[in-house]
Amino acid sequence: MIYNPVKVDDLDLLRRIVQEGVARVGWPEPTWHETTPEDAGRGQTSQAVKDGAELVFVCGGDGTVMAAVTALAGTDVALAVLPAGTGNLLAANLGLGTDAATGVEVAIEGGRKRIDVGAVGDQCFAVMAGMGFDAQMLEGTSDTAKKHIGWLAYVGGAAKHLRDRPMRVRIVIDGGAPMPRRPRSVIVGNVGRLQGGVRLLSEAEPADGKLDVAILSPRSLRHWAELGWAVVRRRKRVPLMETYSAERVEIFSNRAQPRQLDGDLIDPGKTLKVHIRHRALLLCVPQPAGDPDLAYDSSAAKRAAEGVRAAAEEKA
């Protein structure tokens, strides 16, 4: 178990949930390892792999989960996500919400799926990377707001930047000719859901060997409204959004831009270079594991977890 003590509100309850869940299927209790300000979880996860772990539970925010994804990519060790606080992007795509008990249930039910990951330098992400508005939105959203109103806090962060100037970029898809664009945001995704379950990349599949690229180019508040409405309504064609698929994506800007990986801010930069690592991560997913939607029937796991959740709360 790799956990972020800053994100876990009730560590004792989390311990009881995990203990109750693994005991029901005869698994040994995991060893517990805290992340630190110096190491968000990559070092702890890598050590767990060296020590022979077959499964790593990760409980924390986006940065903690991304650190574990980076350490586990290319191994046969399974990752089980236990959301904490307001949850995280990978938990949202698994349909887990903010419920750690459902995450434990998904792990013990045995659904496993090998999914692709995106790589930026020596870091890997499972959901999406982005440059521009999406990273600005994260930057403008306070942890206090997220704690009190959950993912809706991002609406406030987004509102601060709706009228900002577009970027000036060149985008190269699989080594092709540079495409000059003036977008507000470029998102490179492996799976399609944002916080709140909103599906931005409707064609994204987590194990198809391709990254999905969305170039968002609204110019006004009306444009943002049209784009947002089409996304929420799950329309096949979204105005002011170009989409592509690729194994390698390179974005070049004339000035440093805010950037994010899996909902976690990284240093601003003039470039964002992403490539796919096909089926690199073994992930615990709701059954049936073969469905391309990672959240398929996660509600069944939530119902099955009621016993674990109740037993853990009774022992408080």
Protein backbone atom coordinates (compact mmCIF):
# COMPACT_ATOMS: atom_id res chain seq x y z
CA MET A 1 0.00 0.00 0.00
CA ILE A 2 1.42 3.34 -1.12
CA TYR A 3 -0.51 6.26 0.37
CA ASN A 4 -0.27 10.03 0.54
CA PRO A 5 -0.87 11.10 4.18
CA VAL A 6 -1.88 14.59 3.04
CA LYS A 7 -4.73 13.24 0.87
CA VAL A 8 -6.00 10.49 3.18
CA ASP A 9 -8.52 12.07 5.57
CA ASP A 10 -8.98 9.03 7.84
CA LEU A 11 -6.01 6.66 7.78
CA ASP A 12 -7.48 4.37 10.44
CA LEU A 13 -10.63 3.87 8.37
CA LEU A 14 -8.58 3.20 5.26
CA ARG A 15 -6.56 0.57 7.13
CA ARG A 16 -9.75 -1.15 8.31
CA ILE A 17 -11.24 -1.13 4.80
CA VAL A 18 -8.12 -2.70 3.31
CA GLN A 19 -7.74 -5.21 6.16
CA GLU A 20 -11.38 -6.25 5.93
CA GLY A 21 -11.28 -6.59 2.15
CA VAL A 22 -8.12 -8.68 1.87
CA ALA A 23 -9.07 -10.86 4.85
CA ARG A 24 -12.29 -11.89 3.10
CA VAL A 25 -10.34 -13.50 0.26
CA GLY A 26 -7.46 -14.81 2.35
CA TRP A 27 -4.84 -12.35 1.17
CA PRO A 28 -2.09 -11.20 3.55
CA GLU A 29 -2.34 -7.62 4.76
CA PRO A 30 -0.16 -5.34 2.64
CA THR A 31 2.80 -3.46 3.98
CA TRP A 32 2.18 0.31 4.25
CA HIS A 33 4.43 3.03 2.87
CA GLU A 34 3.92 6.81 3.08
CA THR A 35 4.80 9.16 0.28
CA THR A 36 6.91 12.19 1.15
CA PRO A 37 7.31 15.72 -0.24
CA GLU A 38 10.53 14.49 -1.86
CA ASP A 39 9.06 11.29 -3.33
CA ALA A 40 5.43 11.23 -4.48
CA GLY A 41 5.43 7.43 -4.59
CA ARG A 42 7.68 6.36 -7.41
CA GLY A 43 10.53 5.25 -5.16
CA GLN A 44 8.24 3.42 -2.73
CA THR A 45 6.47 1.63 -5.59
CA SER A 46 9.74 0.66 -7.25
CA GLN A 47 10.95 -0.80 -3.96
CA ALA A 48 7.72 -2.79 -3.62
CA VAL A 49 8.36 -4.30 -7.05
CA LYS A 50 11.91 -5.22 -6.03
CA ASP A 51 10.55 -6.80 -2.84
CA GLY A 52 8.30 -9.10 -4.87
CA ALA A 53 4.91 -7.42 -4.61
CA GLU A 54 2.26 -8.88 -6.92
CA LEU A 55 -0.19 -6.00 -6.46
CA VAL A 56 0.26 -2.41 -5.31
CA PHE A 57 -2.62 -0.46 -3.79
CA VAL A 58 -2.19 3.29 -4.29
CA CYS A 59 -4.22 5.81 -2.33
CA GLY A 60 -3.78 9.51 -3.00
CA GLY A 61 -4.28 12.22 -5.55
CA ASP A 62 -3.26 12.45 -9.18
CA GLY A 63 0.43 12.94 -8.44
CA THR A 64 0.61 9.85 -6.23
CA VAL A 65 -1.16 7.67 -8.78
CA MET A 66 0.99 8.97 -11.64
CA ALA A 67 4.16 8.21 -9.67
CA ALA A 68 2.98 4.63 -9.17
CA VAL A 69 2.00 4.29 -12.85
CA THR A 70 5.51 5.40 -13.83
CA ALA A 71 7.12 2.84 -11.51
CA LEU A 72 4.84 -0.04 -12.56
CA ALA A 73 4.86 0.54 -16.34
CA GLY A 74 6.60 -2.35 -18.03
CA THR A 75 6.20 -4.74 -15.07
CA ASP A 76 3.75 -7.57 -14.31
CA VAL A 77 2.74 -6.01 -10.99
CA ALA A 78 -0.90 -4.90 -10.88
CA LEU A 79 -2.01 -1.42 -9.82
CA ALA A 80 -5.15 -1.01 -7.69
CA VAL A 81 -6.35 2.58 -7.32
CA LEU A 82 -7.95 3.60 -4.02
CA PRO A 83 -9.21 7.18 -4.43
CA ALA A 84 -8.65 9.68 -1.64
CA GLY A 85 -9.97 13.17 -0.97
CA THR A 86 -11.73 14.48 -4.07
CA GLY A 87 -10.57 11.47 -6.09
CA ASN A 88 -8.37 11.55 -9.17
CA LEU A 89 -8.55 11.20 -12.94
CA LEU A 90 -7.75 7.48 -13.12
CA ALA A 91 -10.27 6.73 -10.36
CA ALA A 92 -12.88 8.72 -12.32
CA ASN A 93 -12.19 6.64 -15.43
CA LEU A 94 -12.56 3.46 -13.38
CA GLY A 95 -15.91 4.65 -12.02
CA LEU A 96 -14.62 4.60 -8.43
CA GLY A 97 -15.59 8.15 -7.46
CA THR A 98 -14.02 8.81 -4.08
CA ASP A 99 -14.79 5.41 -2.51
CA ALA A 100 -11.74 3.42 -1.34
CA ALA A 101 -13.90 0.38 -0.47
CA THR A 102 -14.99 0.03 -4.10
CA GLY A 103 -11.35 0.21 -5.16
CA VAL A 104 -10.52 -2.66 -2.80
CA GLU A 105 -13.47 -4.67 -4.10
CA VAL A 106 -12.36 -4.16 -7.71
CA ALA A 107 -8.89 -5.48 -6.79
CA ILE A 108 -10.10 -8.60 -4.97
CA GLU A 109 -12.67 -9.47 -7.65
CA GLY A 110 -9.72 -10.05 -9.96
CA GLY A 111 -10.50 -7.89 -12.99
CA ARG A 112 -7.15 -7.17 -14.67
CA LYS A 113 -6.49 -5.33 -17.91
CA ARG A 114 -3.29 -4.35 -19.64
CA ILE A 115 -3.60 -0.76 -20.80
CA ASP A 116 -1.39 1.65 -22.69
CA VAL A 117 0.34 4.52 -20.97
CA GLY A 118 1.61 7.79 -22.38
CA ALA A 119 5.20 8.79 -21.69
CA VAL A 120 6.65 12.29 -21.35
CA GLY A 121 10.35 12.10 -20.64
CA ASP A 122 10.78 9.63 -17.79
CA GLN A 123 7.20 10.07 -16.51
CA CYS A 124 4.19 8.00 -17.51
CA PHE A 125 0.49 8.84 -17.38
CA ALA A 126 -2.58 6.64 -17.70
CA VAL A 127 -5.28 9.18 -18.58
CA MET A 128 -4.11 12.34 -20.35
CA ALA A 129 -1.50 15.04 -20.74
CA GLY A 130 -2.19 18.60 -21.74
CA MET A 131 -0.76 22.00 -22.55
CA GLY A 132 -2.64 25.27 -22.17
CA PHE A 133 -6.08 25.90 -20.74
CA ASP A 134 -6.52 22.53 -18.99
CA ALA A 135 -3.31 23.09 -17.02
CA GLN A 136 -4.29 26.72 -16.32
CA MET A 137 -7.58 25.44 -14.89
CA LEU A 138 -5.72 23.12 -12.52
CA GLU A 139 -3.37 25.93 -11.54
CA GLY A 140 -6.33 28.20 -10.75
CA THR A 141 -8.15 25.68 -8.52
CA SER A 142 -7.31 25.66 -4.82
CA ASP A 143 -7.02 22.51 -2.74
CA THR A 144 -9.43 24.08 -0.22
CA ALA A 145 -12.12 24.49 -2.88
CA LYS A 146 -11.62 20.91 -4.08
CA LYS A 147 -11.94 19.62 -0.54
CA HIS A 148 -15.23 21.44 0.06
CA ILE A 149 -17.04 21.06 -3.27
CA GLY A 150 -15.14 18.30 -5.07
CA TRP A 151 -14.60 18.35 -8.83
CA LEU A 152 -16.98 21.31 -9.25
CA ALA A 153 -14.15 23.47 -7.89
CA TYR A 154 -12.52 23.16 -11.32
CA VAL A 155 -15.35 25.26 -12.77
CA GLY A 156 -14.06 28.23 -10.78
CA GLY A 157 -10.51 27.55 -11.90
CA ALA A 158 -11.66 27.38 -15.52
CA ALA A 159 -13.66 30.62 -15.31
CA LYS A 160 -10.51 32.58 -14.46
CA HIS A 161 -8.95 31.74 -17.82
CA LEU A 162 -11.82 31.58 -20.33
CA ARG A 163 -10.82 34.92 -21.88
CA ASP A 164 -7.07 34.32 -22.01
CA ARG A 165 -5.21 34.58 -25.30
CA PRO A 166 -4.77 31.43 -27.40
CA MET A 167 -1.42 29.72 -27.74
CA ARG A 168 0.65 29.76 -30.91
CA VAL A 169 1.83 26.19 -31.52
CA ARG A 170 3.01 23.68 -34.09
CA ILE A 171 1.72 20.14 -33.67
CA VAL A 172 3.46 17.12 -35.20
CA ILE A 173 1.53 13.85 -35.43
CA ASP A 174 3.63 10.69 -35.90
CA GLY A 175 6.47 12.63 -37.50
CA GLY A 176 4.29 14.23 -40.16
CA ALA A 177 4.26 17.80 -41.40
CA PRO A 178 3.94 20.43 -38.63
CA MET A 179 0.38 21.74 -38.22
CA PRO A 180 0.33 25.39 -37.12
CA ARG A 181 -2.56 26.14 -34.79
CA ARG A 182 -3.75 28.81 -32.35
CA PRO A 183 -5.59 26.69 -29.77
CA ARG A 184 -6.49 27.30 -26.17
CA SER A 185 -5.53 23.77 -25.22
CA VAL A 186 -4.03 20.60 -26.69
CA ILE A 187 -4.91 17.39 -24.86
CA VAL A 188 -3.28 14.02 -25.51
CA GLY A 189 -5.31 11.23 -23.97
CA ASN A 190 -5.29 7.48 -23.49
CA VAL A 191 -8.77 7.29 -21.94
CA GLY A 192 -11.47 9.86 -22.31
CA ARG A 193 -13.09 10.98 -19.05
CA LEU A 194 -12.43 14.20 -17.18
CA GLN A 195 -13.35 14.87 -13.55
CA GLY A 196 -17.08 14.46 -12.95
CA GLY A 197 -17.26 11.65 -15.50
CA VAL A 198 -17.43 14.03 -18.50
CA ARG A 199 -16.18 12.15 -21.56
CA LEU A 200 -14.03 14.46 -23.68
CA LEU A 201 -12.38 11.89 -25.97
CA SER A 202 -15.28 9.71 -27.06
CA GLU A 203 -13.17 7.47 -29.31
CA ALA A 204 -10.35 6.85 -26.83
CA GLU A 205 -9.66 3.22 -25.92
CA PRO A 206 -7.10 2.35 -23.25
CA ALA A 207 -5.38 -0.55 -25.04
CA ASP A 208 -5.52 0.24 -28.76
CA GLY A 209 -1.90 1.35 -29.09
CA LYS A 210 -2.95 4.89 -29.96
CA LEU A 211 -3.10 8.24 -28.20
CA ASP A 212 -6.09 10.47 -28.92
CA VAL A 213 -5.36 14.15 -29.55
CA ALA A 214 -7.86 16.96 -29.04
CA ILE A 215 -7.07 20.50 -30.23
CA LEU A 216 -9.50 22.97 -28.62
CA SER A 217 -9.77 26.37 -30.29
CA PRO A 218 -12.64 28.45 -28.85
CA ARG A 219 -12.33 32.19 -29.30
CA SER A 220 -15.16 33.53 -27.13
CA LEU A 221 -17.44 32.66 -24.23
CA ARG A 222 -20.07 31.58 -26.76
CA HIS A 223 -17.55 29.23 -28.35
CA TRP A 224 -16.74 27.74 -24.94
CA ALA A 225 -20.45 27.24 -24.29
CA GLU A 226 -20.97 25.51 -27.64
CA LEU A 227 -17.96 23.26 -27.13
CA GLY A 228 -18.90 22.38 -23.54
CA TRP A 229 -22.51 21.64 -24.45
CA ALA A 230 -21.49 19.31 -27.27
CA VAL A 231 -19.11 17.43 -24.97
CA VAL A 232 -21.71 17.05 -22.21
CA ARG A 233 -24.29 15.88 -24.77
CA ARG A 234 -21.73 13.38 -26.13
CA ARG A 235 -22.15 14.57 -29.67
CA LYS A 236 -19.99 12.84 -32.25
CA ARG A 237 -18.84 16.16 -33.74
CA VAL A 238 -17.72 18.81 -31.27
CA PRO A 239 -17.41 22.36 -32.63
CA LEU A 240 -14.01 24.04 -32.35
CA MET A 241 -12.30 20.74 -31.47
CA GLU A 242 -10.10 18.79 -33.90
CA THR A 243 -9.26 15.18 -33.06
CA TYR A 244 -6.50 12.85 -34.24
CA SER A 245 -4.98 9.55 -33.15
CA ALA A 246 -1.27 8.85 -33.05
CA GLU A 247 1.54 6.89 -31.47
CA ARG A 248 3.66 10.01 -31.04
CA VAL A 249 2.64 13.63 -30.58
CA GLU A 250 4.92 16.67 -30.37
CA ILE A 251 3.69 20.16 -29.46
CA PHE A 252 5.95 23.19 -29.89
CA SER A 253 5.01 26.65 -28.59
CA ASN A 254 6.66 30.02 -29.09
CA ARG A 255 6.63 30.60 -25.32
CA ALA A 256 6.45 28.52 -22.14
CA GLN A 257 2.97 27.16 -21.43
CA PRO A 258 1.42 25.51 -18.38
CA ARG A 259 1.43 21.70 -18.68
CA GLN A 260 -0.15 18.79 -16.83
CA LEU A 261 0.05 15.00 -16.69
CA ASP A 262 -2.97 13.10 -15.36
CA GLY A 263 -4.30 16.17 -13.61
CA ASP A 264 -0.99 16.95 -11.89
CA LEU A 265 0.88 20.11 -12.87
CA ILE A 266 4.42 19.81 -14.17
CA ASP A 267 6.80 22.68 -14.92
CA PRO A 268 5.72 25.04 -17.72
CA GLY A 269 7.55 24.49 -20.99
CA LYS A 270 7.69 25.32 -24.68
CA THR A 271 7.28 21.70 -25.75
CA LEU A 272 5.24 18.66 -24.86
CA LYS A 273 6.45 15.43 -26.47
CA VAL A 274 4.37 12.32 -25.84
CA HIS A 275 4.71 8.74 -27.06
CA ILE A 276 2.72 5.58 -26.38
CA ARG A 277 3.90 2.55 -24.40
CA HIS A 278 1.55 -0.16 -25.61
CA ARG A 279 -0.08 -2.35 -22.91
CA ALA A 280 2.61 -1.36 -20.41
CA LEU A 281 0.44 -1.21 -17.27
CA LEU A 282 -1.47 -4.05 -15.56
CA LEU A 283 -4.49 -2.34 -13.98
CA CYS A 284 -7.21 -3.59 -11.64
CA VAL A 285 -10.52 -2.83 -13.36
CA PRO A 286 -14.21 -3.60 -12.71
CA GLN A 287 -15.49 -6.80 -14.28
CA PRO A 288 -15.88 -7.61 -17.14
CA ALA A 289 -12.25 -6.74 -17.63
CA GLY A 290 -12.46 -7.03 -21.42
CA ASP A 291 -14.79 -4.08 -21.91
CA PRO A 292 -13.03 -1.03 -23.46
CA ASP A 293 -14.86 1.23 -20.98
CA LEU A 294 -12.78 0.94 -17.80
CA ALA A 295 -15.79 1.98 -15.70
CA TYR A 296 -18.15 -0.62 -17.16
CA ASP A 297 -20.51 -1.82 -14.38
CA SER A 298 -18.43 -0.29 -11.61
CA SER A 299 -21.76 0.09 -9.79
CA ALA A 300 -21.75 -3.69 -9.24
CA ALA A 301 -18.41 -3.43 -7.44
CA LYS A 302 -19.77 -0.56 -5.37
CA ARG A 303 -22.72 -2.69 -4.24
CA ALA A 304 -20.43 -5.64 -3.50
CA ALA A 305 -18.22 -3.39 -1.38
CA GLU A 306 -21.05 -2.46 1.00
CA GLY A 307 -20.16 -5.30 3.36
CA VAL A 308 -16.50 -4.29 3.54
CA ARG A 309 -17.44 -0.67 4.06
CA ALA A 310 -19.98 -1.45 6.81
CA ALA A 311 -17.63 -3.83 8.67
CA ALA A 312 -14.82 -1.24 8.60
CA GLU A 313 -17.11 1.48 9.95
CA GLU A 314 -18.46 -0.77 12.70
CA LYS A 315 -14.95 -1.37 14.01
CA ALA A 316 -14.31 2.34 14.46
